[in-house]
C-alpha atoms as a PDB file:
ATOM      1  CA  MET A   1     106.352  18.370  28.582  1.00  0.00           C
ATOM      2  CA  LYS A   2     103.273  20.573  28.264  1.00  0.00           C
ATOM      3  CA  ILE A   3     100.389  19.108  30.284  1.00  0.00           C
ATOM      4  CA  LEU A   4      96.709  20.031  30.567  1.00  0.00           C
ATOM      5  CA  VAL A   5      94.894  18.998  33.770  1.00  0.00           C
ATOM      6  CA  ILE A   6      91.091  18.952  33.567  1.00  0.00           C
ATOM      7  CA  ARG A   7      88.732  19.380  36.516  1.00  0.00           C
ATOM      8  CA  PHE A   8      85.707  21.573  35.898  1.00  0.00           C
ATOM      9  CA  SER A   9      84.200  21.742  39.408  1.00  0.00           C
ATOM     10  CA  SER A  10      83.703  22.217  42.276  1.00  0.00           C
ATOM     11  CA  ILE A  11      85.779  23.898  45.010  1.00  0.00           C
ATOM     12  CA  GLY A  12      86.543  20.804  47.079  1.00  0.00           C
ATOM     13  CA  ASP A  13      87.049  18.556  44.054  1.00  0.00           C
ATOM     14  CA  ILE A  14      89.518  21.020  42.560  1.00  0.00           C
ATOM     15  CA  VAL A  15      91.447  21.349  45.833  1.00  0.00           C
ATOM     16  CA  LEU A  16      91.715  17.545  45.902  1.00  0.00           C
ATOM     17  CA  THR A  17      93.557  17.654  42.556  1.00  0.00           C
ATOM     18  CA  THR A  18      96.321  19.945  43.852  1.00  0.00           C
ATOM     19  CA  PRO A  19      98.714  17.143  44.876  1.00  0.00           C
ATOM     20  CA  ILE A  20      98.662  15.996  41.243  1.00  0.00           C
ATOM     21  CA  VAL A  21      99.441  19.510  39.993  1.00  0.00           C
ATOM     22  CA  ARG A  22     102.361  19.802  42.416  1.00  0.00           C
ATOM     23  CA  CYS A  23     103.757  16.326  41.781  1.00  0.00           C
ATOM     24  CA  LEU A  24     103.689  16.768  37.996  1.00  0.00           C
ATOM     25  CA  GLN A  25     106.704  18.997  38.647  1.00  0.00           C
ATOM     26  CA  GLN A  26     108.612  15.722  39.135  1.00  0.00           C
ATOM     27  CA  ILE A  27     108.733  15.576  35.322  1.00  0.00           C
ATOM     28  CA  PRO A  28     111.750  17.605  34.166  1.00  0.00           C
ATOM     29  CA  GLY A  29     110.611  20.727  32.335  1.00  0.00           C
ATOM     30  CA  ALA A  30     106.902  20.090  32.964  1.00  0.00           C
ATOM     31  CA  GLU A  31     104.598  23.010  32.168  1.00  0.00           C
ATOM     32  CA  VAL A  32     101.188  22.496  33.773  1.00  0.00           C
ATOM     33  CA  HIS A  33      98.013  24.194  32.532  1.00  0.00           C
ATOM     34  CA  TYR A  34      94.548  23.719  34.080  1.00  0.00           C
ATOM     35  CA  LEU A  35      91.060  23.720  32.525  1.00  0.00           C
ATOM     36  CA  THR A  36      88.139  24.549  34.825  1.00  0.00           C
ATOM     37  CA  LYS A  37      84.954  26.611  35.004  1.00  0.00           C
ATOM     38  CA  ALA A  38      85.444  30.377  35.189  1.00  0.00           C
ATOM     39  CA  SER A  39      83.711  30.559  38.583  1.00  0.00           C
ATOM     40  CA  PHE A  40      86.420  28.359  40.136  1.00  0.00           C
ATOM     41  CA  VAL A  41      89.471  30.245  38.875  1.00  0.00           C
ATOM     42  CA  PRO A  42      89.967  31.867  42.348  1.00  0.00           C
ATOM     43  CA  VAL A  43      90.689  28.406  43.779  1.00  0.00           C
ATOM     44  CA  LEU A  44      93.755  28.086  41.550  1.00  0.00           C
ATOM     45  CA  GLU A  45      94.825  31.605  40.598  1.00  0.00           C
ATOM     46  CA  ALA A  46      97.678  31.828  43.122  1.00  0.00           C
ATOM     47  CA  ASN A  47      98.937  28.252  42.634  1.00  0.00           C
ATOM     48  CA  PRO A  48     102.625  28.549  41.672  1.00  0.00           C
ATOM     49  CA  TYR A  49     102.653  25.114  40.026  1.00  0.00           C
ATOM     50  CA  ILE A  50     100.163  26.174  37.320  1.00  0.00           C
ATOM     51  CA  ARG A  51     101.502  28.130  34.346  1.00  0.00           C
ATOM     52  CA  LYS A  52      98.109  29.069  32.900  1.00  0.00           C
ATOM     53  CA  ILE A  53      94.420  28.565  33.715  1.00  0.00           C
ATOM     54  CA  HIS A  54      91.961  27.976  30.880  1.00  0.00           C
ATOM     55  CA  THR A  55      88.205  28.220  31.367  1.00  0.00           C
ATOM     56  CA  LEU A  56      85.351  26.117  30.063  1.00  0.00           C
ATOM     57  CA  ASP A  57      83.687  28.328  27.466  1.00  0.00           C
ATOM     58  CA  GLU A  58      80.149  28.206  26.083  1.00  0.00           C
ATOM     59  CA  ASP A  59      81.746  28.935  22.716  1.00  0.00           C
ATOM     60  CA  TRP A  60      83.159  25.440  22.346  1.00  0.00           C
ATOM     61  CA  ALA A  61      84.897  26.017  19.009  1.00  0.00           C
ATOM     62  CA  THR A  62      86.780  29.076  20.280  1.00  0.00           C
ATOM     63  CA  MET A  63      87.850  27.249  23.446  1.00  0.00           C
ATOM     64  CA  ILE A  64      89.135  24.198  21.547  1.00  0.00           C
ATOM     65  CA  THR A  65      90.991  26.398  19.071  1.00  0.00           C
ATOM     66  CA  ALA A  66      92.741  28.184  21.946  1.00  0.00           C
ATOM     67  CA  LEU A  67      93.629  24.881  23.613  1.00  0.00           C
ATOM     68  CA  ARG A  68      94.989  23.425  20.355  1.00  0.00           C
ATOM     69  CA  GLN A  69      97.224  26.445  19.949  1.00  0.00           C
ATOM     70  CA  GLU A  70      98.929  25.509  23.235  1.00  0.00           C
ATOM     71  CA  GLN A  71     100.117  22.228  21.638  1.00  0.00           C
ATOM     72  CA  PHE A  72      99.715  20.064  24.721  1.00  0.00           C
ATOM     73  CA  GLU A  73     101.532  16.757  24.753  1.00  0.00           C
ATOM     74  CA  VAL A  74      99.448  15.136  27.517  1.00  0.00           C
ATOM     75  CA  VAL A  75      95.966  15.575  29.023  1.00  0.00           C
ATOM     76  CA  ILE A  76      95.260  14.456  32.607  1.00  0.00           C
ATOM     77  CA  ASP A  77      91.477  14.089  32.920  1.00  0.00           C
ATOM     78  CA  LEU A  78      90.485  14.294  36.591  1.00  0.00           C
ATOM     79  CA  HIS A  79      86.822  14.972  35.874  1.00  0.00           C
ATOM     80  CA  LYS A  80      86.086  12.093  33.489  1.00  0.00           C
ATOM     81  CA  ASN A  81      82.684  13.062  32.144  1.00  0.00           C
ATOM     82  CA  VAL A  82      81.205  13.655  28.696  1.00  0.00           C
ATOM     83  CA  ARG A  83      82.604  17.177  28.343  1.00  0.00           C
ATOM     84  CA  SER A  84      86.110  16.262  29.432  1.00  0.00           C
ATOM     85  CA  ALA A  85      86.022  13.332  27.002  1.00  0.00           C
ATOM     86  CA  ARG A  86      85.075  15.783  24.222  1.00  0.00           C
ATOM     87  CA  VAL A  87      88.063  17.950  25.083  1.00  0.00           C
ATOM     88  CA  ARG A  88      90.362  14.929  25.008  1.00  0.00           C
ATOM     89  CA  LYS A  89      89.024  13.808  21.646  1.00  0.00           C
ATOM     90  CA  ALA A  90      89.290  17.307  20.173  1.00  0.00           C
ATOM     91  CA  LEU A  91      92.912  17.711  21.266  1.00  0.00           C
ATOM     92  CA  GLY A  92      93.848  14.242  20.037  1.00  0.00           C
ATOM     93  CA  VAL A  93      96.900  13.800  22.271  1.00  0.00           C
ATOM     94  CA  THR A  94      97.864  11.179  24.844  1.00  0.00           C
ATOM     95  CA  ALA A  95      95.360  11.296  27.715  1.00  0.00           C
ATOM     96  CA  TYR A  96      95.097   9.618  31.095  1.00  0.00           C
ATOM     97  CA  ASP A  97      92.212   9.392  33.565  1.00  0.00           C
ATOM     98  CA  PHE A  98      91.408   7.737  36.889  1.00  0.00           C
ATOM     99  CA  PRO A  99      89.022   5.029  38.190  1.00  0.00           C
ATOM    100  CA  LYS A 100      85.851   6.996  38.988  1.00  0.00           C
ATOM    101  CA  LEU A 101      84.103   3.924  40.491  1.00  0.00           C
ATOM    102  CA  ASN A 102      80.589   5.088  39.594  1.00  0.00           C
ATOM    103  CA  VAL A 103      79.202   1.545  39.765  1.00  0.00           C
ATOM    104  CA  ARG A 104      80.587   1.065  43.273  1.00  0.00           C
ATOM    105  CA  LYS A 105      79.157   4.441  44.334  1.00  0.00           C
ATOM    106  CA  TRP A 106      75.769   3.403  42.930  1.00  0.00           C
ATOM    107  CA  LEU A 107      75.902   0.161  44.917  1.00  0.00           C
ATOM    108  CA  LEU A 108      76.731   2.054  48.120  1.00  0.00           C
ATOM    109  CA  VAL A 109      73.979   4.647  47.646  1.00  0.00           C
ATOM    110  CA  ASN A 110      71.222   2.380  46.346  1.00  0.00           C
ATOM    111  CA  LEU A 111      71.907  -1.070  47.820  1.00  0.00           C
ATOM    112  CA  LYS A 112      74.179  -0.122  50.758  1.00  0.00           C
ATOM    113  CA  ILE A 113      76.818  -2.517  49.440  1.00  0.00           C
ATOM    114  CA  ASN A 114      80.171  -0.936  50.205  1.00  0.00           C
ATOM    115  CA  LEU A 115      82.896  -1.954  47.755  1.00  0.00           C
ATOM    116  CA  MET A 116      84.648   1.419  47.877  1.00  0.00           C
ATOM    117  CA  PRO A 117      88.399   1.268  48.590  1.00  0.00           C
ATOM    118  CA  ASP A 118      89.559   2.561  51.949  1.00  0.00           C
ATOM    119  CA  LYS A 119      91.468   5.467  50.455  1.00  0.00           C
ATOM    120  CA  SER A 120      91.016   9.055  49.369  1.00  0.00           C
ATOM    121  CA  ILE A 121      90.050   9.974  45.832  1.00  0.00           C
ATOM    122  CA  VAL A 122      93.466  11.667  45.756  1.00  0.00           C
ATOM    123  CA  GLU A 123      95.077   8.230  45.692  1.00  0.00           C
ATOM    124  CA  ARG A 124      92.886   7.326  42.692  1.00  0.00           C
ATOM    125  CA  TYR A 125      93.907  10.564  40.966  1.00  0.00           C
ATOM    126  CA  PHE A 126      97.518   9.436  41.247  1.00  0.00           C
ATOM    127  CA  GLU A 127      96.689   6.354  39.192  1.00  0.00           C
ATOM    128  CA  ALA A 128      96.144   8.731  36.259  1.00  0.00           C
ATOM    129  CA  VAL A 129      99.723  10.033  36.380  1.00  0.00           C
ATOM    130  CA  LYS A 130     101.429   6.745  37.242  1.00  0.00           C
ATOM    131  CA  PRO A 131     102.287   6.059  33.556  1.00  0.00           C
ATOM    132  CA  LEU A 132     104.248   9.345  33.582  1.00  0.00           C
ATOM    133  CA  GLY A 133     106.387   8.150  36.486  1.00  0.00           C
ATOM    134  CA  VAL A 134     104.791  10.622  38.895  1.00  0.00           C
ATOM    135  CA  HIS A 135     104.408   9.507  42.514  1.00  0.00           C
ATOM    136  CA  ASN A 136     102.669  10.905  45.590  1.00  0.00           C
ATOM    137  CA  ASP A 137     105.066  12.977  47.677  1.00  0.00           C
ATOM    138  CA  GLY A 138     102.822  12.643  50.740  1.00  0.00           C
ATOM    139  CA  LYS A 139     102.623  16.397  51.358  1.00  0.00           C
ATOM    140  CA  GLY A 140      98.831  16.582  51.114  1.00  0.00           C
ATOM    141  CA  LEU A 141      96.694  19.281  49.532  1.00  0.00           C
ATOM    142  CA  ASP A 142      97.700  22.794  48.501  1.00  0.00           C
ATOM    143  CA  TYR A 143      95.869  26.087  48.787  1.00  0.00           C
ATOM    144  CA  PHE A 144      97.452  29.427  47.982  1.00  0.00           C
ATOM    145  CA  ILE A 145      95.848  32.758  48.893  1.00  0.00           C
ATOM    146  CA  PRO A 146      96.551  35.831  46.744  1.00  0.00           C
ATOM    147  CA  GLU A 147      98.317  38.570  48.701  1.00  0.00           C
ATOM    148  CA  ALA A 148      95.480  41.036  48.066  1.00  0.00           C
ATOM    149  CA  GLU A 149      92.945  38.719  49.716  1.00  0.00           C
ATOM    150  CA  LYS A 150      94.775  37.933  52.922  1.00  0.00           C
ATOM    151  CA  THR A 151      92.917  39.024  56.056  1.00  0.00           C
ATOM    152  CA  THR A 152      94.136  40.893  59.142  1.00  0.00           C
ATOM    153  CA  HIS A 153      92.990  41.173  62.761  1.00  0.00           C
ATOM    154  CA  LYS A 154      90.991  44.223  61.752  1.00  0.00           C
ATOM    155  CA  ASP A 155      88.689  42.035  59.647  1.00  0.00           C
ATOM    156  CA  ILE A 156      87.306  40.158  62.648  1.00  0.00           C
ATOM    157  CA  PRO A 157      86.102  41.203  66.127  1.00  0.00           C
ATOM    158  CA  MET A 158      88.762  41.876  68.782  1.00  0.00           C
ATOM    159  CA  SER A 159      87.137  39.153  70.895  1.00  0.00           C
ATOM    160  CA  HIS A 160      88.400  36.596  68.326  1.00  0.00           C
ATOM    161  CA  TRP A 161      91.987  37.807  68.051  1.00  0.00           C
ATOM    162  CA  ALA A 162      93.317  35.322  70.616  1.00  0.00           C
ATOM    163  CA  GLY A 163      91.888  32.365  68.687  1.00  0.00           C
ATOM    164  CA  TYR A 164      88.659  30.935  67.339  1.00  0.00           C
ATOM    165  CA  VAL A 165      86.925  27.840  65.989  1.00  0.00           C
ATOM    166  CA  GLY A 166      85.678  27.919  62.384  1.00  0.00           C
ATOM    167  CA  PHE A 167      82.175  26.547  61.762  1.00  0.00           C
ATOM    168  CA  VAL A 168      81.518  25.971  58.045  1.00  0.00           C
ATOM    169  CA  ILE A 169      77.733  26.156  57.871  1.00  0.00           C
ATOM    170  CA  GLY A 170      77.429  26.280  54.063  1.00  0.00           C
ATOM    171  CA  GLY A 171      77.050  23.487  51.560  1.00  0.00           C
ATOM    172  CA  SER A 172      76.072  22.897  47.947  1.00  0.00           C
ATOM    173  CA  TYR A 173      72.862  21.044  48.905  1.00  0.00           C
ATOM    174  CA  ALA A 174      70.437  21.347  51.804  1.00  0.00           C
ATOM    175  CA  THR A 175      70.944  17.690  52.732  1.00  0.00           C
ATOM    176  CA  LYS A 176      74.636  18.379  53.331  1.00  0.00           C
ATOM    177  CA  LYS A 177      73.927  21.129  55.874  1.00  0.00           C
ATOM    178  CA  LEU A 178      73.663  20.651  59.619  1.00  0.00           C
ATOM    179  CA  PRO A 179      70.403  22.275  60.849  1.00  0.00           C
ATOM    180  CA  VAL A 180      70.580  25.699  62.510  1.00  0.00           C
ATOM    181  CA  GLU A 181      69.439  24.312  65.880  1.00  0.00           C
ATOM    182  CA  GLN A 182      72.452  22.023  66.081  1.00  0.00           C
ATOM    183  CA  TRP A 183      74.885  24.752  65.057  1.00  0.00           C
ATOM    184  CA  ARG A 184      73.463  26.850  67.891  1.00  0.00           C
ATOM    185  CA  ARG A 185      74.095  23.960  70.278  1.00  0.00           C
ATOM    186  CA  LEU A 186      77.674  23.635  69.006  1.00  0.00           C
ATOM    187  CA  CYS A 187      78.209  27.344  69.624  1.00  0.00           C
ATOM    188  CA  GLU A 188      77.103  26.845  73.226  1.00  0.00           C
ATOM    189  CA  LEU A 189      79.562  23.945  73.619  1.00  0.00           C
ATOM    190  CA  SER A 190      82.553  25.699  72.072  1.00  0.00           C
ATOM    191  CA  PRO A 191      85.118  26.713  74.733  1.00  0.00           C
ATOM    192  CA  ILE A 192      86.415  29.608  72.591  1.00  0.00           C
ATOM    193  CA  PRO A 193      84.915  32.171  70.158  1.00  0.00           C
ATOM    194  CA  VAL A 194      83.397  31.007  66.867  1.00  0.00           C
ATOM    195  CA  ILE A 195      83.470  32.333  63.305  1.00  0.00           C
ATOM    196  CA  LEU A 196      80.681  31.120  61.019  1.00  0.00           C
ATOM    197  CA  LEU A 197      81.842  30.533  57.447  1.00  0.00           C
ATOM    198  CA  GLY A 198      79.747  30.366  54.300  1.00  0.00           C
ATOM    199  CA  GLY A 199      78.531  32.275  51.258  1.00  0.00           C
ATOM    200  CA  PRO A 200      75.922  35.025  50.844  1.00  0.00           C
ATOM    201  CA  GLU A 201      73.223  32.349  50.719  1.00  0.00           C
ATOM    202  CA  ASP A 202      74.157  31.360  54.303  1.00  0.00           C
ATOM    203  CA  ARG A 203      73.993  34.867  55.764  1.00  0.00           C
ATOM    204  CA  GLU A 204      70.452  34.547  57.146  1.00  0.00           C
ATOM    205  CA  ALA A 205      71.138  31.179  58.783  1.00  0.00           C
ATOM    206  CA  GLY A 206      74.360  32.640  60.174  1.00  0.00           C
ATOM    207  CA  GLU A 207      72.486  35.517  61.797  1.00  0.00           C
ATOM    208  CA  GLU A 208      70.097  33.059  63.421  1.00  0.00           C
ATOM    209  CA  ILE A 209      72.973  30.970  64.756  1.00  0.00           C
ATOM    210  CA  ALA A 210      74.980  33.970  65.962  1.00  0.00           C
ATOM    211  CA  GLY A 211      71.951  35.311  67.789  1.00  0.00           C
ATOM    212  CA  ILE A 212      72.531  32.814  70.576  1.00  0.00           C
ATOM    213  CA  ALA A 213      75.725  34.648  71.670  1.00  0.00           C
ATOM    214  CA  PRO A 214      76.522  37.738  69.553  1.00  0.00           C
ATOM    215  CA  PHE A 215      79.824  38.488  71.304  1.00  0.00           C
ATOM    216  CA  LYS A 216      81.038  34.899  71.078  1.00  0.00           C
ATOM    217  CA  VAL A 217      79.854  34.077  67.544  1.00  0.00           C
ATOM    218  CA  TYR A 218      80.815  36.153  64.497  1.00  0.00           C
ATOM    219  CA  ASN A 219      78.819  35.610  61.301  1.00  0.00           C
ATOM    220  CA  SER A 220      81.202  36.081  58.355  1.00  0.00           C
ATOM    221  CA  CYS A 221      78.879  34.488  55.786  1.00  0.00           C
ATOM    222  CA  GLY A 222      78.679  36.613  52.655  1.00  0.00           C
ATOM    223  CA  LYS A 223      81.101  39.223  54.000  1.00  0.00           C
ATOM    224  CA  PHE A 224      84.274  37.759  52.514  1.00  0.00           C
ATOM    225  CA  SER A 225      85.459  36.362  49.188  1.00  0.00           C
ATOM    226  CA  LEU A 226      86.305  32.679  48.870  1.00  0.00           C
ATOM    227  CA  ASN A 227      90.018  33.339  49.340  1.00  0.00           C
ATOM    228  CA  GLU A 228      89.399  35.642  52.306  1.00  0.00           C
ATOM    229  CA  SER A 229      87.244  32.915  53.895  1.00  0.00           C
ATOM    230  CA  ALA A 230      90.049  30.445  53.184  1.00  0.00           C
ATOM    231  CA  ASP A 231      92.410  32.753  55.068  1.00  0.00           C
ATOM    232  CA  LEU A 232      90.042  32.739  58.052  1.00  0.00           C
ATOM    233  CA  VAL A 233      90.093  28.934  57.868  1.00  0.00           C
ATOM    234  CA  LYS A 234      93.903  29.017  57.851  1.00  0.00           C
ATOM    235  CA  TYR A 235      94.004  30.731  61.252  1.00  0.00           C
ATOM    236  CA  ALA A 236      91.246  28.743  62.951  1.00  0.00           C
ATOM    237  CA  LYS A 237      92.350  26.465  65.778  1.00  0.00           C
ATOM    238  CA  VAL A 238      89.778  23.810  64.788  1.00  0.00           C
ATOM    239  CA  LEU A 239      87.334  23.510  61.910  1.00  0.00           C
ATOM    240  CA  VAL A 240      83.849  21.987  62.158  1.00  0.00           C
ATOM    241  CA  SER A 241      82.459  21.586  58.674  1.00  0.00           C
ATOM    242  CA  ASN A 242      79.735  20.189  56.489  1.00  0.00           C
ATOM    243  CA  ASP A 243      80.910  18.176  53.480  1.00  0.00           C
ATOM    244  CA  THR A 244      81.901  21.198  51.396  1.00  0.00           C
ATOM    245  CA  GLY A 245      84.827  23.026  49.800  1.00  0.00           C
ATOM    246  CA  LEU A 246      86.144  24.880  52.858  1.00  0.00           C
ATOM    247  CA  MET A 247      86.527  21.524  54.602  1.00  0.00           C
ATOM    248  CA  HIS A 248      89.118  20.485  52.002  1.00  0.00           C
ATOM    249  CA  ILE A 249      90.770  23.900  52.177  1.00  0.00           C
ATOM    250  CA  GLY A 250      91.071  23.319  55.931  1.00  0.00           C
ATOM    251  CA  ALA A 251      92.818  20.014  55.257  1.00  0.00           C
ATOM    252  CA  ALA A 252      95.200  21.817  52.886  1.00  0.00           C
ATOM    253  CA  PHE A 253      96.210  23.975  55.864  1.00  0.00           C
ATOM    254  CA  GLN A 254      96.526  20.840  58.038  1.00  0.00           C
ATOM    255  CA  LYS A 255      93.740  22.034  60.362  1.00  0.00           C
ATOM    256  CA  PRO A 256      92.141  19.645  62.870  1.00  0.00           C
ATOM    257  CA  ILE A 257      88.670  18.956  61.433  1.00  0.00           C
ATOM    258  CA  VAL A 258      85.347  17.581  62.634  1.00  0.00           C
ATOM    259  CA  SER A 259      83.478  16.683  59.435  1.00  0.00           C
ATOM    260  CA  LEU A 260      79.677  16.405  59.438  1.00  0.00           C
ATOM    261  CA  TRP A 261      78.036  13.954  57.035  1.00  0.00           C
ATOM    262  CA  GLY A 262      74.380  14.023  56.024  1.00  0.00           C
ATOM    263  CA  ASN A 263      73.270  12.384  52.790  1.00  0.00           C
ATOM    264  CA  THR A 264      76.879  11.727  51.672  1.00  0.00           C
ATOM    265  CA  SER A 265      79.525   9.547  53.289  1.00  0.00           C
ATOM    266  CA  PRO A 266      83.313   9.773  53.716  1.00  0.00           C
ATOM    267  CA  GLU A 267      83.442   6.197  52.441  1.00  0.00           C
ATOM    268  CA  MET A 268      83.112   7.619  48.917  1.00  0.00           C
ATOM    269  CA  GLY A 269      86.676   8.902  49.285  1.00  0.00           C
ATOM    270  CA  MET A 270      85.996  12.626  49.748  1.00  0.00           C
ATOM    271  CA  PHE A 271      87.072  12.929  53.385  1.00  0.00           C
ATOM    272  CA  PRO A 272      89.700  15.496  54.524  1.00  0.00           C
ATOM    273  CA  TYR A 273      93.045  14.463  53.075  1.00  0.00           C
ATOM    274  CA  TYR A 274      96.307  15.199  54.870  1.00  0.00           C
ATOM    275  CA  GLY A 275      98.706  13.229  52.679  1.00  0.00           C
ATOM    276  CA  PHE A 276      98.066   9.880  54.339  1.00  0.00           C
ATOM    277  CA  ASN A 277      96.715   6.906  52.432  1.00  0.00           C
ATOM    278  CA  ASN A 278      93.349   6.183  53.982  1.00  0.00           C
ATOM    279  CA  MET A 279      90.531   7.232  56.269  1.00  0.00           C
ATOM    280  CA  ASN A 280      91.447   4.870  59.106  1.00  0.00           C
ATOM    281  CA  SER A 281      95.173   5.614  59.484  1.00  0.00           C
ATOM    282  CA  ASN A 282      96.778   8.270  61.662  1.00  0.00           C
ATOM    283  CA  VAL A 283      94.474  10.807  60.009  1.00  0.00           C
ATOM    284  CA  ALA A 284      92.342  10.170  63.115  1.00  0.00           C
ATOM    285  CA  GLU A 285      94.803  12.335  65.022  1.00  0.00           C
ATOM    286  CA  LYS A 286      93.531  15.355  63.114  1.00  0.00           C
ATOM    287  CA  HIS A 287      90.116  14.333  61.846  1.00  0.00           C
ATOM    288  CA  VAL A 288      86.873  13.061  63.334  1.00  0.00           C
ATOM    289  CA  ALA A 289      83.918  12.202  61.085  1.00  0.00           C
ATOM    290  CA  LEU A 290      80.397  12.408  62.544  1.00  0.00           C
ATOM    291  CA  GLU A 291      78.094  10.126  60.565  1.00  0.00           C
ATOM    292  CA  ARG A 292      74.932   8.081  61.213  1.00  0.00           C
ATOM    293  CA  LYS A 293      76.204   4.824  59.742  1.00  0.00           C
ATOM    294  CA  ASN A 294      73.411   2.736  61.246  1.00  0.00           C
ATOM    295  CA  LEU A 295      70.652   4.486  59.280  1.00  0.00           C
ATOM    296  CA  SER A 296      69.194   2.199  56.606  1.00  0.00           C
ATOM    297  CA  CYS A 297      68.851   5.146  54.188  1.00  0.00           C
ATOM    298  CA  HIS A 298      72.384   6.525  54.605  1.00  0.00           C
ATOM    299  CA  PRO A 299      74.065   7.484  52.331  1.00  0.00           C
ATOM    300  CA  CYS A 300      71.259   8.391  49.936  1.00  0.00           C
ATOM    301  CA  SER A 301      73.261  10.323  47.324  1.00  0.00           C
ATOM    302  CA  LYS A 302      76.804  10.960  46.146  1.00  0.00           C
ATOM    303  CA  LEU A 303      75.892  14.627  45.629  1.00  0.00           C
ATOM    304  CA  GLY A 304      72.849  15.877  47.543  1.00  0.00           C
ATOM    305  CA  TYR A 305      69.211  17.003  47.472  1.00  0.00           C
ATOM    306  CA  GLY A 306      67.196  20.119  48.125  1.00  0.00           C
ATOM    307  CA  LYS A 307      65.438  18.243  50.930  1.00  0.00           C
ATOM    308  CA  CYS A 308      65.531  14.833  52.588  1.00  0.00           C
ATOM    309  CA  PRO A 309      63.908  12.237  50.272  1.00  0.00           C
ATOM    310  CA  LYS A 310      62.462  10.470  53.355  1.00  0.00           C
ATOM    311  CA  GLY A 311      61.259  13.662  54.991  1.00  0.00           C
ATOM    312  CA  HIS A 312      62.948  13.063  58.368  1.00  0.00           C
ATOM    313  CA  PHE A 313      66.596  14.163  57.775  1.00  0.00           C
ATOM    314  CA  LYS A 314      67.775  11.867  60.569  1.00  0.00           C
ATOM    315  CA  CYS A 315      71.289  11.646  59.089  1.00  0.00           C
ATOM    316  CA  MET A 316      71.959  15.199  60.256  1.00  0.00           C
ATOM    317  CA  LYS A 317      69.410  15.749  62.995  1.00  0.00           C
ATOM    318  CA  GLN A 318      70.629  12.722  64.951  1.00  0.00           C
ATOM    319  CA  LEU A 319      74.365  13.422  64.819  1.00  0.00           C
ATOM    320  CA  GLU A 320      75.933  13.178  68.272  1.00  0.00           C
ATOM    321  CA  ILE A 321      76.936  16.818  68.655  1.00  0.00           C
ATOM    322  CA  ASN A 322      78.316  16.314  72.177  1.00  0.00           C
ATOM    323  CA  ASP A 323      80.998  14.055  70.679  1.00  0.00           C
ATOM    324  CA  VAL A 324      82.681  17.182  69.319  1.00  0.00           C
ATOM    325  CA  VAL A 325      83.587  18.511  72.771  1.00  0.00           C
ATOM    326  CA  PRO A 326      86.560  16.185  73.549  1.00  0.00           C
ATOM    327  CA  PHE A 327      88.033  17.009  70.136  1.00  0.00           C
ATOM    328  CA  PHE A 328      87.671  20.718  70.835  1.00  0.00           C
ATOM    329  CA  LYS A 329      89.497  20.381  74.143  1.00  0.00           C
ATOM    330  CA  LYS A 330      92.347  18.512  72.442  1.00  0.00           C
ATOM    331  CA  PHE A 331      93.206  21.344  70.071  1.00  0.00           C
ATOM    332  CA  VAL A 332      92.088  24.650  71.643  1.00  0.00           C
END
């Protein structure tokens, strides 16, 4: 069976589809292809369960012609938006999707009525492949790093060779990012060296954070590719992360994680997934979520904003940073 999986973006969302890609191999002779945006190909390029990656092209007609030539038998739509629906219609083959629960998300964000199921979005993705007889193998997320992008000791300071904590300071929106002042406080509290992780856009903030203890804190932001940063995550003893892609990559490597939640909430199903069914099970052994649940304005978005709509940003500024310390001591 030749199968096309669709998920256009972004890093974390794509990583959360990897159990589906792996478990589709339960179908004898399955050949899995994947359609995504070109900028996210590095997330999947080393995945051994994917035969071919196709990219979303501005030249729609050329892209659809190329996809039709593959003669897919089934489409698994794990994005479920207007563009993915257009692809499904154009290919005209059997297609399956998942319950996106947009109405329930709207109720949570706008009326603070929580009807979201107590389970990861991964479990909802598996509803899409249930008609094919595919089941969750419980092995969690996958992330594969190309050989050419694996790091060595020489890529980080000697002071960090014996072990370090990874602090993921980046994020797709400002309201998902812990303020610099609190990252500096976390660096002070960390019992072992720290590596700051993020993209080129986080370099300046990283320098400000690292300035508190230059020999203890290494700013890697903008110095490594995505896959190289993922490799640094792989060898971290603990990960402290905003709600962003490297957090899910950390879960793929079964890292202990402290997740930091600003305008979004883990109750939307995007918390670190280790192969267990829900947020309140034995995941707690590896994961602690810091969130200001008692704020009347939280969560205020399922995505994020350039700045706090209320102007105070209490959801991040009032996180209990000291609560991280016992978790650190448990794993380092």
